[in-house]
N, C-alpha and C. Protein backbone atom coordinates (compact mmCIF):
# COMPACT_ATOMS: atom_id res chain seq x y z
N MET A 1 -4.65 18.60 0.40
CA MET A 1 -4.99 17.81 -0.78
C MET A 1 -5.40 16.41 -0.35
N ASN A 2 -6.39 15.83 -1.05
CA ASN A 2 -6.90 14.52 -0.69
C ASN A 2 -5.81 13.46 -0.76
N THR A 3 -5.75 12.65 0.30
CA THR A 3 -4.74 11.59 0.34
C THR A 3 -5.38 10.21 0.45
N GLU A 4 -6.70 10.12 0.28
CA GLU A 4 -7.38 8.84 0.50
C GLU A 4 -7.05 7.82 -0.58
N VAL A 5 -7.17 8.21 -1.84
CA VAL A 5 -6.96 7.26 -2.93
C VAL A 5 -5.47 7.08 -3.18
N LYS A 6 -5.03 5.84 -3.13
CA LYS A 6 -3.61 5.53 -3.31
C LYS A 6 -3.45 4.48 -4.41
N TYR A 7 -2.32 4.59 -5.09
CA TYR A 7 -2.02 3.71 -6.23
C TYR A 7 -0.67 3.06 -5.99
N PHE A 8 -0.59 1.77 -6.27
CA PHE A 8 0.66 1.02 -6.12
C PHE A 8 0.81 0.09 -7.32
N ASP A 9 2.05 -0.16 -7.73
CA ASP A 9 2.27 -1.21 -8.74
C ASP A 9 3.65 -1.82 -8.58
N SER A 10 3.85 -2.91 -9.28
CA SER A 10 5.06 -3.72 -9.11
C SER A 10 6.32 -3.07 -9.65
N THR A 11 6.20 -1.97 -10.41
CA THR A 11 7.39 -1.30 -10.94
C THR A 11 7.98 -0.30 -9.96
N MET A 12 7.29 -0.01 -8.88
CA MET A 12 7.75 1.00 -7.94
C MET A 12 8.93 0.50 -7.12
N SER A 13 9.82 1.40 -6.77
CA SER A 13 10.99 1.04 -5.97
C SER A 13 10.56 0.50 -4.62
N GLY A 14 11.09 -0.66 -4.26
CA GLY A 14 10.77 -1.27 -2.98
C GLY A 14 9.52 -2.11 -2.99
N ALA A 15 8.83 -2.19 -4.12
CA ALA A 15 7.60 -2.96 -4.19
C ALA A 15 7.89 -4.45 -4.05
N PRO A 16 7.08 -5.18 -3.30
CA PRO A 16 7.30 -6.62 -3.15
C PRO A 16 6.97 -7.36 -4.44
N ALA A 17 7.57 -8.52 -4.61
CA ALA A 17 7.38 -9.31 -5.84
C ALA A 17 6.21 -10.26 -5.68
N LEU A 18 5.40 -10.35 -6.72
CA LEU A 18 4.32 -11.34 -6.79
C LEU A 18 4.79 -12.49 -7.66
N SER A 19 4.54 -13.72 -7.22
CA SER A 19 4.98 -14.89 -7.97
C SER A 19 4.08 -16.07 -7.63
N GLY A 20 4.36 -17.19 -8.27
CA GLY A 20 3.61 -18.41 -8.01
C GLY A 20 4.18 -19.18 -6.84
N THR A 21 4.29 -18.50 -5.71
CA THR A 21 4.78 -19.13 -4.49
C THR A 21 3.83 -18.80 -3.34
N ALA A 22 3.74 -19.68 -2.38
CA ALA A 22 2.87 -19.46 -1.23
C ALA A 22 3.31 -18.22 -0.46
N GLY A 23 2.35 -17.38 -0.10
CA GLY A 23 2.65 -16.20 0.69
C GLY A 23 2.99 -14.96 -0.10
N ALA A 24 3.17 -15.08 -1.42
CA ALA A 24 3.60 -13.93 -2.22
C ALA A 24 2.54 -12.83 -2.25
N LEU A 25 1.27 -13.21 -2.34
CA LEU A 25 0.22 -12.20 -2.39
C LEU A 25 0.10 -11.47 -1.05
N ILE A 26 0.27 -12.19 0.05
CA ILE A 26 0.22 -11.54 1.35
C ILE A 26 1.34 -10.52 1.49
N SER A 27 2.49 -10.79 0.92
CA SER A 27 3.58 -9.82 0.95
C SER A 27 3.20 -8.54 0.22
N VAL A 28 2.55 -8.69 -0.93
CA VAL A 28 2.10 -7.52 -1.69
C VAL A 28 1.05 -6.75 -0.91
N LEU A 29 0.05 -7.45 -0.40
CA LEU A 29 -1.03 -6.78 0.31
C LEU A 29 -0.54 -6.13 1.60
N GLY A 30 0.36 -6.80 2.31
CA GLY A 30 0.88 -6.22 3.53
C GLY A 30 1.60 -4.91 3.28
N ALA A 31 2.40 -4.86 2.21
CA ALA A 31 3.13 -3.64 1.87
C ALA A 31 2.19 -2.52 1.48
N CYS A 32 1.19 -2.83 0.66
CA CYS A 32 0.29 -1.80 0.15
C CYS A 32 -0.75 -1.36 1.18
N LEU A 33 -1.28 -2.30 1.94
CA LEU A 33 -2.40 -1.99 2.81
C LEU A 33 -1.99 -1.51 4.20
N THR A 34 -0.95 -2.10 4.77
CA THR A 34 -0.65 -1.81 6.17
C THR A 34 0.70 -1.17 6.44
N ASN A 35 1.71 -1.45 5.62
CA ASN A 35 3.07 -1.05 5.97
C ASN A 35 3.65 0.08 5.14
N GLY A 36 3.27 0.18 3.86
CA GLY A 36 3.97 1.06 2.95
C GLY A 36 5.29 0.44 2.53
N PHE A 37 6.00 1.09 1.60
CA PHE A 37 7.28 0.56 1.16
C PHE A 37 8.09 1.65 0.47
N GLY A 38 9.34 1.31 0.16
CA GLY A 38 10.21 2.25 -0.54
C GLY A 38 10.74 3.37 0.33
N SER A 39 11.02 3.09 1.61
CA SER A 39 11.45 4.14 2.53
C SER A 39 12.83 4.68 2.17
N VAL A 40 12.95 6.01 2.24
CA VAL A 40 14.23 6.69 2.02
C VAL A 40 14.44 7.70 3.14
N THR A 41 15.70 7.98 3.45
CA THR A 41 16.03 8.98 4.47
C THR A 41 16.37 10.30 3.81
N LEU A 42 15.71 11.36 4.25
CA LEU A 42 15.89 12.67 3.64
C LEU A 42 17.17 13.35 4.11
N ASP A 43 17.80 14.08 3.21
CA ASP A 43 18.91 14.94 3.58
C ASP A 43 18.39 16.21 4.23
N SER A 44 17.25 16.71 3.73
CA SER A 44 16.66 17.91 4.30
C SER A 44 15.18 17.98 3.94
N LEU A 45 14.44 18.69 4.79
CA LEU A 45 13.03 18.98 4.54
C LEU A 45 12.80 20.42 4.95
N VAL A 46 12.58 21.27 3.96
CA VAL A 46 12.53 22.72 4.19
C VAL A 46 11.15 23.25 3.85
N VAL A 47 10.58 24.02 4.77
CA VAL A 47 9.27 24.65 4.55
C VAL A 47 9.49 26.12 4.24
N ALA A 48 8.89 26.58 3.13
CA ALA A 48 8.97 27.98 2.74
C ALA A 48 7.69 28.34 2.01
N GLY A 49 6.96 29.32 2.54
CA GLY A 49 5.74 29.76 1.88
C GLY A 49 4.69 28.66 1.75
N ASN A 50 4.52 27.87 2.80
CA ASN A 50 3.54 26.78 2.83
C ASN A 50 3.82 25.68 1.81
N VAL A 51 5.07 25.56 1.40
CA VAL A 51 5.49 24.46 0.54
C VAL A 51 6.69 23.78 1.18
N ALA A 52 6.60 22.47 1.36
CA ALA A 52 7.71 21.69 1.90
C ALA A 52 8.47 21.04 0.76
N THR A 53 9.79 21.17 0.80
CA THR A 53 10.64 20.57 -0.23
C THR A 53 11.56 19.55 0.43
N GLY A 54 11.43 18.31 -0.02
CA GLY A 54 12.29 17.25 0.48
C GLY A 54 13.42 16.98 -0.49
N THR A 55 14.61 16.75 0.05
CA THR A 55 15.79 16.47 -0.78
C THR A 55 16.44 15.18 -0.31
N ILE A 56 16.70 14.29 -1.27
CA ILE A 56 17.38 13.01 -1.01
C ILE A 56 18.45 12.87 -2.08
N SER A 57 19.70 13.01 -1.69
CA SER A 57 20.78 13.04 -2.68
C SER A 57 20.90 11.73 -3.45
N THR A 58 20.51 10.62 -2.84
CA THR A 58 20.62 9.32 -3.51
C THR A 58 19.41 9.00 -4.39
N GLY A 59 18.41 9.85 -4.38
CA GLY A 59 17.21 9.65 -5.19
C GLY A 59 16.05 9.11 -4.38
N HIS A 60 14.84 9.61 -4.65
CA HIS A 60 13.68 9.23 -3.86
C HIS A 60 12.81 8.18 -4.53
N ASN A 61 12.88 8.03 -5.84
CA ASN A 61 12.11 7.04 -6.59
C ASN A 61 10.60 7.27 -6.53
N PHE A 62 10.16 8.48 -6.26
CA PHE A 62 8.75 8.84 -6.36
C PHE A 62 8.51 9.51 -7.70
N ALA A 63 7.35 9.29 -8.29
CA ALA A 63 7.08 9.87 -9.61
C ALA A 63 5.62 10.29 -9.71
N MET A 64 5.38 11.34 -10.46
CA MET A 64 4.02 11.78 -10.74
C MET A 64 3.38 10.82 -11.74
N ILE A 65 2.07 10.70 -11.66
CA ILE A 65 1.30 9.99 -12.68
C ILE A 65 0.44 11.03 -13.37
N GLY A 66 0.91 11.50 -14.51
CA GLY A 66 0.27 12.65 -15.13
C GLY A 66 0.49 13.86 -14.23
N ASN A 67 -0.62 14.49 -13.81
CA ASN A 67 -0.53 15.64 -12.91
C ASN A 67 -0.78 15.27 -11.45
N THR A 68 -0.89 13.99 -11.18
CA THR A 68 -1.21 13.53 -9.82
C THR A 68 0.01 12.93 -9.16
N GLY A 69 0.30 13.39 -7.97
CA GLY A 69 1.44 12.87 -7.24
C GLY A 69 1.07 11.70 -6.35
N PRO A 70 2.05 10.87 -5.99
CA PRO A 70 1.79 9.77 -5.06
C PRO A 70 1.61 10.29 -3.65
N VAL A 71 1.00 9.46 -2.81
CA VAL A 71 0.87 9.81 -1.39
C VAL A 71 2.05 9.20 -0.65
N ILE A 72 2.80 10.04 0.07
CA ILE A 72 3.94 9.57 0.84
C ILE A 72 3.68 9.79 2.32
N ARG A 73 4.40 9.06 3.15
CA ARG A 73 4.30 9.23 4.60
C ARG A 73 5.63 9.74 5.13
N ILE A 74 5.58 10.90 5.78
CA ILE A 74 6.75 11.48 6.42
C ILE A 74 6.76 11.07 7.89
N GLU A 75 7.92 10.62 8.37
CA GLU A 75 8.07 10.24 9.77
C GLU A 75 9.40 10.77 10.30
N GLY A 76 9.43 11.04 11.60
CA GLY A 76 10.67 11.42 12.27
C GLY A 76 11.00 12.89 12.22
N ALA A 77 10.09 13.74 11.75
CA ALA A 77 10.38 15.16 11.57
C ALA A 77 9.97 15.98 12.79
N THR A 78 10.73 17.02 13.05
CA THR A 78 10.35 18.09 13.97
C THR A 78 10.39 19.39 13.18
N PRO A 79 9.24 20.11 13.08
CA PRO A 79 8.02 20.00 13.87
C PRO A 79 7.18 18.77 13.49
N SER A 80 6.41 18.27 14.46
CA SER A 80 5.63 17.06 14.25
C SER A 80 4.52 17.24 13.23
N GLY A 81 4.14 18.50 12.97
CA GLY A 81 3.10 18.76 11.98
C GLY A 81 3.47 18.32 10.59
N LEU A 82 4.74 18.05 10.34
CA LEU A 82 5.17 17.55 9.03
C LEU A 82 5.02 16.04 8.91
N ASN A 83 4.85 15.37 10.04
CA ASN A 83 4.69 13.92 10.00
C ASN A 83 3.27 13.56 9.58
N GLY A 84 3.16 12.53 8.76
CA GLY A 84 1.85 12.10 8.29
C GLY A 84 1.87 11.86 6.80
N ASP A 85 0.68 11.72 6.23
CA ASP A 85 0.54 11.42 4.82
C ASP A 85 0.32 12.69 4.01
N TRP A 86 1.05 12.80 2.90
CA TRP A 86 0.98 13.97 2.04
C TRP A 86 0.96 13.52 0.58
N ARG A 87 0.12 14.16 -0.22
CA ARG A 87 0.17 13.91 -1.66
C ARG A 87 1.15 14.89 -2.29
N LEU A 88 2.13 14.36 -2.99
CA LEU A 88 3.14 15.23 -3.60
C LEU A 88 2.51 16.15 -4.62
N ALA A 89 2.92 17.42 -4.57
CA ALA A 89 2.43 18.41 -5.52
C ALA A 89 3.29 18.44 -6.77
N SER A 90 4.58 18.12 -6.60
CA SER A 90 5.49 18.11 -7.75
C SER A 90 6.70 17.26 -7.45
N VAL A 91 7.33 16.81 -8.53
CA VAL A 91 8.59 16.07 -8.43
C VAL A 91 9.55 16.73 -9.43
N PRO A 92 10.25 17.78 -8.99
CA PRO A 92 11.13 18.52 -9.91
C PRO A 92 12.27 17.68 -10.48
N GLY A 93 12.69 16.66 -9.75
CA GLY A 93 13.79 15.81 -10.20
C GLY A 93 13.88 14.58 -9.35
N ILE A 94 14.87 13.75 -9.63
CA ILE A 94 14.98 12.47 -8.92
C ILE A 94 15.45 12.65 -7.47
N THR A 95 15.90 13.86 -7.12
CA THR A 95 16.40 14.08 -5.76
C THR A 95 15.49 14.99 -4.93
N THR A 96 14.45 15.57 -5.52
CA THR A 96 13.59 16.49 -4.77
C THR A 96 12.12 16.23 -5.05
N PHE A 97 11.30 16.57 -4.06
CA PHE A 97 9.85 16.55 -4.22
C PHE A 97 9.26 17.65 -3.35
N THR A 98 8.02 18.04 -3.64
CA THR A 98 7.36 19.08 -2.85
C THR A 98 5.94 18.65 -2.49
N PHE A 99 5.45 19.20 -1.38
CA PHE A 99 4.04 19.06 -1.05
C PHE A 99 3.59 20.32 -0.31
N ALA A 100 2.29 20.61 -0.40
CA ALA A 100 1.73 21.81 0.21
C ALA A 100 1.47 21.60 1.69
N THR A 101 1.79 22.59 2.51
CA THR A 101 1.53 22.54 3.95
C THR A 101 0.69 23.74 4.35
N THR A 102 0.12 23.68 5.53
CA THR A 102 -0.59 24.83 6.11
C THR A 102 -0.26 24.90 7.59
N GLY A 103 -0.10 26.12 8.10
CA GLY A 103 0.10 26.32 9.52
C GLY A 103 1.48 25.98 10.03
N ILE A 104 2.43 25.74 9.15
CA ILE A 104 3.80 25.45 9.57
C ILE A 104 4.70 26.59 9.10
N SER A 105 5.38 27.22 10.04
CA SER A 105 6.21 28.38 9.71
C SER A 105 7.41 27.97 8.87
N ASP A 106 7.97 28.94 8.17
CA ASP A 106 9.16 28.68 7.35
C ASP A 106 10.30 28.21 8.25
N GLN A 107 10.88 27.06 7.90
CA GLN A 107 11.96 26.49 8.71
C GLN A 107 12.54 25.26 8.03
N THR A 108 13.66 24.83 8.52
CA THR A 108 14.25 23.56 8.12
C THR A 108 13.97 22.54 9.20
N ALA A 109 13.28 21.48 8.87
CA ALA A 109 12.92 20.45 9.84
C ALA A 109 14.17 19.73 10.34
N THR A 110 14.07 19.22 11.55
CA THR A 110 15.17 18.46 12.14
C THR A 110 14.72 17.03 12.42
N GLY A 111 15.69 16.17 12.74
CA GLY A 111 15.41 14.78 13.04
C GLY A 111 15.88 13.85 11.93
N THR A 112 15.79 12.56 12.17
CA THR A 112 16.04 11.56 11.13
C THR A 112 14.73 11.36 10.40
N ILE A 113 14.61 12.01 9.26
CA ILE A 113 13.33 12.11 8.56
C ILE A 113 13.29 11.10 7.42
N THR A 114 12.23 10.32 7.38
CA THR A 114 12.07 9.33 6.32
C THR A 114 10.79 9.60 5.53
N ALA A 115 10.78 9.11 4.30
CA ALA A 115 9.60 9.19 3.44
C ALA A 115 9.42 7.84 2.76
N LYS A 116 8.19 7.39 2.69
CA LYS A 116 7.88 6.14 2.00
C LYS A 116 6.50 6.25 1.38
N ARG A 117 6.18 5.32 0.51
CA ARG A 117 4.82 5.26 -0.04
C ARG A 117 3.88 4.90 1.10
N ALA A 118 2.90 5.75 1.33
CA ALA A 118 1.98 5.55 2.44
C ALA A 118 1.07 4.36 2.19
N PRO A 119 0.83 3.54 3.20
CA PRO A 119 -0.09 2.42 3.03
C PRO A 119 -1.53 2.90 2.88
N ALA A 120 -2.39 2.01 2.41
CA ALA A 120 -3.76 2.39 2.07
C ALA A 120 -4.63 2.67 3.28
N GLY A 121 -4.28 2.14 4.44
CA GLY A 121 -5.06 2.42 5.62
C GLY A 121 -5.86 1.24 6.14
N PHE A 122 -5.20 0.10 6.23
CA PHE A 122 -5.81 -1.11 6.77
C PHE A 122 -4.92 -1.66 7.88
N SER A 123 -5.52 -2.49 8.73
CA SER A 123 -4.77 -3.20 9.75
C SER A 123 -4.88 -4.69 9.52
N LYS A 124 -3.85 -5.43 9.94
CA LYS A 124 -3.91 -6.89 9.88
C LYS A 124 -4.54 -7.36 11.18
N ALA A 125 -5.81 -7.77 11.10
CA ALA A 125 -6.55 -8.15 12.29
C ALA A 125 -6.09 -9.49 12.85
N PHE A 126 -5.80 -10.44 11.96
CA PHE A 126 -5.35 -11.77 12.36
C PHE A 126 -4.36 -12.28 11.33
N SER A 127 -3.50 -13.20 11.73
CA SER A 127 -2.55 -13.77 10.79
C SER A 127 -2.24 -15.20 11.16
N GLY A 128 -1.76 -15.96 10.18
CA GLY A 128 -1.33 -17.33 10.36
C GLY A 128 -0.31 -17.64 9.29
N THR A 129 0.11 -18.88 9.18
CA THR A 129 1.08 -19.26 8.16
C THR A 129 0.46 -19.10 6.77
N ASN A 130 0.98 -18.14 6.00
CA ASN A 130 0.47 -17.83 4.65
C ASN A 130 -1.02 -17.50 4.65
N LYS A 131 -1.48 -16.92 5.76
CA LYS A 131 -2.85 -16.45 5.86
C LYS A 131 -2.85 -15.08 6.53
N ALA A 132 -3.82 -14.25 6.18
CA ALA A 132 -3.93 -12.94 6.81
C ALA A 132 -5.37 -12.45 6.70
N VAL A 133 -5.77 -11.66 7.67
CA VAL A 133 -7.09 -11.03 7.67
C VAL A 133 -6.89 -9.53 7.80
N TYR A 134 -7.41 -8.77 6.83
CA TYR A 134 -7.27 -7.32 6.83
C TYR A 134 -8.61 -6.66 7.10
N ARG A 135 -8.53 -5.47 7.72
CA ARG A 135 -9.73 -4.70 8.03
C ARG A 135 -9.41 -3.23 7.90
N ALA A 136 -10.32 -2.46 7.28
CA ALA A 136 -10.10 -1.04 7.08
C ALA A 136 -10.02 -0.31 8.41
N ASP A 137 -9.14 0.68 8.50
CA ASP A 137 -9.04 1.51 9.68
C ASP A 137 -10.14 2.57 9.73
N ASP A 138 -10.70 2.91 8.57
CA ASP A 138 -11.71 3.96 8.47
C ASP A 138 -13.00 3.52 9.16
N VAL A 139 -13.35 4.16 10.27
CA VAL A 139 -14.52 3.74 11.04
C VAL A 139 -15.83 4.15 10.38
N VAL A 140 -15.76 4.96 9.33
CA VAL A 140 -16.99 5.37 8.64
C VAL A 140 -17.49 4.25 7.73
N GLY A 141 -16.62 3.39 7.26
CA GLY A 141 -17.00 2.30 6.36
C GLY A 141 -17.59 1.12 7.10
N THR A 142 -17.86 0.05 6.35
CA THR A 142 -18.46 -1.15 6.94
C THR A 142 -17.48 -1.94 7.78
N ARG A 143 -16.20 -1.83 7.49
CA ARG A 143 -15.12 -2.51 8.22
C ARG A 143 -15.33 -4.02 8.27
N LEU A 144 -15.76 -4.58 7.15
CA LEU A 144 -15.84 -6.04 7.06
C LEU A 144 -14.43 -6.62 7.01
N TYR A 145 -14.32 -7.89 7.27
CA TYR A 145 -13.03 -8.57 7.31
C TYR A 145 -12.72 -9.22 5.96
N CYS A 146 -11.50 -9.07 5.52
CA CYS A 146 -11.05 -9.65 4.25
C CYS A 146 -9.99 -10.71 4.58
N ARG A 147 -10.33 -11.96 4.34
CA ARG A 147 -9.43 -13.07 4.69
C ARG A 147 -8.71 -13.57 3.45
N ILE A 148 -7.39 -13.69 3.53
CA ILE A 148 -6.56 -14.17 2.45
C ILE A 148 -5.96 -15.51 2.84
N ASP A 149 -6.24 -16.54 2.06
CA ASP A 149 -5.56 -17.83 2.24
C ASP A 149 -4.60 -17.99 1.07
N ASP A 150 -3.33 -17.73 1.34
CA ASP A 150 -2.29 -17.72 0.31
C ASP A 150 -1.38 -18.94 0.47
N SER A 151 -1.98 -20.07 0.84
CA SER A 151 -1.21 -21.27 1.14
C SER A 151 -0.74 -22.01 -0.11
N THR A 152 -1.42 -21.77 -1.24
CA THR A 152 -1.06 -22.48 -2.47
C THR A 152 -0.13 -21.62 -3.32
N THR A 153 0.26 -22.14 -4.47
CA THR A 153 1.28 -21.46 -5.27
C THR A 153 0.71 -20.50 -6.32
N THR A 154 -0.14 -20.99 -7.20
CA THR A 154 -0.56 -20.18 -8.34
C THR A 154 -1.77 -19.31 -8.07
N TYR A 155 -2.50 -19.58 -7.01
CA TYR A 155 -3.68 -18.77 -6.70
C TYR A 155 -3.83 -18.63 -5.19
N ALA A 156 -4.62 -17.62 -4.81
CA ALA A 156 -4.98 -17.44 -3.41
C ALA A 156 -6.49 -17.31 -3.34
N ARG A 157 -7.04 -17.51 -2.16
CA ARG A 157 -8.47 -17.37 -1.99
C ARG A 157 -8.76 -16.18 -1.07
N ILE A 158 -9.62 -15.29 -1.55
CA ILE A 158 -10.00 -14.10 -0.80
C ILE A 158 -11.49 -14.17 -0.54
N ARG A 159 -11.85 -14.11 0.75
CA ARG A 159 -13.26 -14.15 1.11
C ARG A 159 -13.52 -13.16 2.24
N GLY A 160 -14.77 -12.72 2.34
CA GLY A 160 -15.13 -11.75 3.35
C GLY A 160 -15.93 -12.36 4.49
N TYR A 161 -15.84 -11.71 5.65
CA TYR A 161 -16.63 -12.10 6.82
C TYR A 161 -17.18 -10.84 7.48
N GLU A 162 -18.37 -10.98 8.07
CA GLU A 162 -18.93 -9.87 8.82
C GLU A 162 -18.24 -9.73 10.17
N ALA A 163 -17.86 -10.84 10.76
CA ALA A 163 -17.15 -10.82 12.05
C ALA A 163 -16.18 -11.99 12.09
N MET A 164 -15.05 -11.81 12.80
CA MET A 164 -14.06 -12.87 12.94
C MET A 164 -13.47 -12.85 14.34
N THR A 165 -13.07 -14.05 14.81
CA THR A 165 -12.42 -14.16 16.11
C THR A 165 -10.98 -14.63 15.99
N ASP A 166 -10.61 -15.24 14.87
CA ASP A 166 -9.23 -15.58 14.58
C ASP A 166 -9.10 -15.77 13.08
N VAL A 167 -7.90 -16.10 12.61
CA VAL A 167 -7.65 -16.13 11.18
C VAL A 167 -8.48 -17.18 10.44
N ASP A 168 -9.00 -18.17 11.14
CA ASP A 168 -9.76 -19.24 10.52
C ASP A 168 -11.23 -19.29 10.93
N THR A 169 -11.66 -18.38 11.78
CA THR A 169 -13.00 -18.48 12.34
C THR A 169 -13.76 -17.16 12.18
N GLY A 170 -14.95 -17.25 11.57
CA GLY A 170 -15.75 -16.06 11.41
C GLY A 170 -17.19 -16.38 11.08
N THR A 171 -18.04 -15.35 11.04
CA THR A 171 -19.44 -15.49 10.69
C THR A 171 -19.79 -14.52 9.58
N GLY A 172 -20.88 -14.82 8.87
CA GLY A 172 -21.30 -13.96 7.77
C GLY A 172 -20.38 -14.07 6.57
N LEU A 173 -20.03 -15.30 6.20
CA LEU A 173 -19.10 -15.53 5.09
C LEU A 173 -19.69 -15.12 3.75
N PHE A 174 -18.85 -14.50 2.91
CA PHE A 174 -19.24 -14.20 1.52
C PHE A 174 -17.99 -14.17 0.65
N PRO A 175 -18.04 -14.68 -0.60
CA PRO A 175 -19.13 -15.51 -1.13
C PRO A 175 -19.15 -16.88 -0.44
N THR A 176 -20.31 -17.48 -0.42
CA THR A 176 -20.43 -18.81 0.18
C THR A 176 -19.97 -19.86 -0.81
N ASP A 177 -19.85 -21.09 -0.35
CA ASP A 177 -19.43 -22.18 -1.23
C ASP A 177 -20.43 -22.41 -2.36
N ALA A 178 -21.67 -22.00 -2.14
CA ALA A 178 -22.71 -22.20 -3.16
C ALA A 178 -22.71 -21.08 -4.20
N GLN A 179 -21.99 -20.01 -3.96
CA GLN A 179 -21.99 -18.87 -4.87
C GLN A 179 -20.74 -18.90 -5.76
N LEU A 180 -20.94 -18.78 -7.05
CA LEU A 180 -19.83 -18.69 -8.00
C LEU A 180 -18.82 -19.82 -7.81
N ASN A 181 -19.35 -21.04 -7.61
CA ASN A 181 -18.50 -22.21 -7.38
C ASN A 181 -17.55 -22.01 -6.20
N GLY A 182 -18.05 -21.36 -5.21
CA GLY A 182 -17.21 -21.09 -4.04
C GLY A 182 -16.61 -19.71 -4.07
N GLY A 183 -16.25 -19.22 -5.26
CA GLY A 183 -15.83 -17.84 -5.46
C GLY A 183 -14.57 -17.44 -4.72
N GLY A 184 -14.15 -16.21 -4.99
CA GLY A 184 -13.07 -15.60 -4.25
C GLY A 184 -11.67 -16.02 -4.62
N TYR A 185 -11.45 -16.55 -5.81
CA TYR A 185 -10.11 -16.98 -6.20
C TYR A 185 -9.38 -15.86 -6.94
N VAL A 186 -8.15 -15.63 -6.58
CA VAL A 186 -7.29 -14.66 -7.25
C VAL A 186 -6.08 -15.41 -7.77
N TYR A 187 -5.85 -15.31 -9.07
CA TYR A 187 -4.75 -16.04 -9.68
C TYR A 187 -3.50 -15.17 -9.70
N LYS A 188 -2.47 -15.65 -9.04
CA LYS A 188 -1.21 -14.92 -8.91
C LYS A 188 -0.29 -15.16 -10.10
N SER A 189 -0.24 -16.41 -10.55
CA SER A 189 0.71 -16.77 -11.60
C SER A 189 0.23 -18.03 -12.30
N SER A 190 0.57 -18.14 -13.58
CA SER A 190 0.24 -19.34 -14.34
C SER A 190 1.22 -20.47 -14.07
N ALA A 191 2.29 -20.18 -13.33
CA ALA A 191 3.31 -21.19 -13.05
C ALA A 191 3.66 -21.19 -11.58
N ALA A 192 3.83 -22.37 -11.03
CA ALA A 192 4.26 -22.51 -9.63
C ALA A 192 5.77 -22.32 -9.57
N SER A 193 6.19 -21.07 -9.57
CA SER A 193 7.61 -20.77 -9.59
C SER A 193 7.84 -19.39 -8.99
N SER A 194 9.10 -19.01 -8.87
CA SER A 194 9.45 -17.69 -8.33
C SER A 194 9.51 -16.61 -9.41
N ALA A 195 9.11 -16.94 -10.65
CA ALA A 195 9.07 -15.94 -11.71
C ALA A 195 8.08 -14.85 -11.33
N THR A 196 8.51 -13.60 -11.42
CA THR A 196 7.67 -12.50 -10.96
C THR A 196 6.58 -12.17 -11.95
N ARG A 197 5.49 -11.63 -11.41
CA ARG A 197 4.33 -11.20 -12.20
C ARG A 197 4.00 -9.76 -11.85
N ALA A 198 3.59 -9.01 -12.85
CA ALA A 198 3.21 -7.62 -12.63
C ALA A 198 1.89 -7.54 -11.87
N TRP A 199 1.74 -6.50 -11.06
CA TRP A 199 0.50 -6.28 -10.32
C TRP A 199 0.25 -4.79 -10.15
N THR A 200 -1.01 -4.44 -9.93
CA THR A 200 -1.43 -3.06 -9.69
C THR A 200 -2.51 -3.08 -8.62
N LEU A 201 -2.47 -2.13 -7.71
CA LEU A 201 -3.47 -2.06 -6.66
C LEU A 201 -3.88 -0.61 -6.44
N PHE A 202 -5.21 -0.40 -6.35
CA PHE A 202 -5.77 0.90 -5.98
C PHE A 202 -6.58 0.71 -4.70
N SER A 203 -6.61 1.73 -3.85
CA SER A 203 -7.46 1.66 -2.66
C SER A 203 -7.78 3.07 -2.18
N ASP A 204 -8.99 3.22 -1.65
CA ASP A 204 -9.37 4.48 -1.01
C ASP A 204 -9.48 4.32 0.50
N GLY A 205 -8.91 3.23 1.03
CA GLY A 205 -8.96 2.98 2.45
C GLY A 205 -10.19 2.20 2.89
N ARG A 206 -11.09 1.93 1.94
CA ARG A 206 -12.27 1.12 2.24
C ARG A 206 -12.35 -0.06 1.27
N ALA A 207 -12.27 0.24 -0.02
CA ALA A 207 -12.30 -0.80 -1.05
C ALA A 207 -10.89 -1.02 -1.60
N ILE A 208 -10.66 -2.23 -2.12
CA ILE A 208 -9.37 -2.60 -2.70
C ILE A 208 -9.62 -3.12 -4.11
N TYR A 209 -8.87 -2.61 -5.07
CA TYR A 209 -8.93 -3.09 -6.46
C TYR A 209 -7.55 -3.63 -6.82
N LEU A 210 -7.47 -4.93 -7.04
CA LEU A 210 -6.19 -5.59 -7.30
C LEU A 210 -6.22 -6.24 -8.68
N PHE A 211 -5.17 -6.01 -9.46
CA PHE A 211 -5.04 -6.58 -10.79
C PHE A 211 -3.70 -7.31 -10.87
N CYS A 212 -3.75 -8.59 -11.26
CA CYS A 212 -2.54 -9.41 -11.35
C CYS A 212 -2.37 -9.92 -12.78
N ASP A 213 -1.19 -9.74 -13.32
CA ASP A 213 -0.86 -10.27 -14.64
C ASP A 213 -0.35 -11.70 -14.46
N HIS A 214 -1.27 -12.61 -14.16
CA HIS A 214 -0.85 -13.96 -13.78
C HIS A 214 -0.18 -14.72 -14.91
N GLY A 215 -0.45 -14.30 -16.16
CA GLY A 215 0.17 -14.99 -17.29
C GLY A 215 1.53 -14.47 -17.67
N GLY A 216 1.94 -13.35 -17.04
CA GLY A 216 3.25 -12.79 -17.35
C GLY A 216 3.32 -12.13 -18.70
N ASN A 217 2.18 -11.60 -19.18
CA ASN A 217 2.15 -10.96 -20.50
C ASN A 217 2.29 -9.46 -20.45
N ASN A 218 2.45 -8.92 -19.23
CA ASN A 218 2.59 -7.48 -19.04
C ASN A 218 1.39 -6.72 -19.60
N ASN A 219 0.21 -7.29 -19.45
CA ASN A 219 -1.02 -6.62 -19.89
C ASN A 219 -1.63 -5.81 -18.77
């Protein structure tokens, strides 16, 4: 099942908080794009009839969105074919989930097995204090650089570069200072405070769509 398109939002277990503080947006982007979040340790992972069933007695906090399951990343399992990104096929309850497998014989996996929301598929190319540069891992795409300057409180600046050599140096800048009054501003919060704001992010591993409820209206 396709695992490219991933969805994240601020209500998910383990999701980082967005607020009117420096660095808050980088925390959100780092979790969604490069690291994943919400890791849990499985009690068991059993394969039967090309279906893997994970069980976590303390609860996994994964949920379907309509008929579509989230993409999770399994790590630490033997056989190794179970490790990787999987889109959940079902969530029968708060302690179990399933996903479809192929080529793995019926068995109970061993190891310290964890599951978390899989990241979108980007790497942090460069970083600095409240700054980060992200680049898609997918070599089929353009792999342009996305620079985040999250040094201020209520907003951050996001701009693209065709090439970069460090977090502050690059060529082929877009948008330029002459375009859209400089462009590239993302408003995190209407207040310079630690009050949290809702956010939603979609990505297919190449493009990123980010929505921030900077006014705190839960819209």
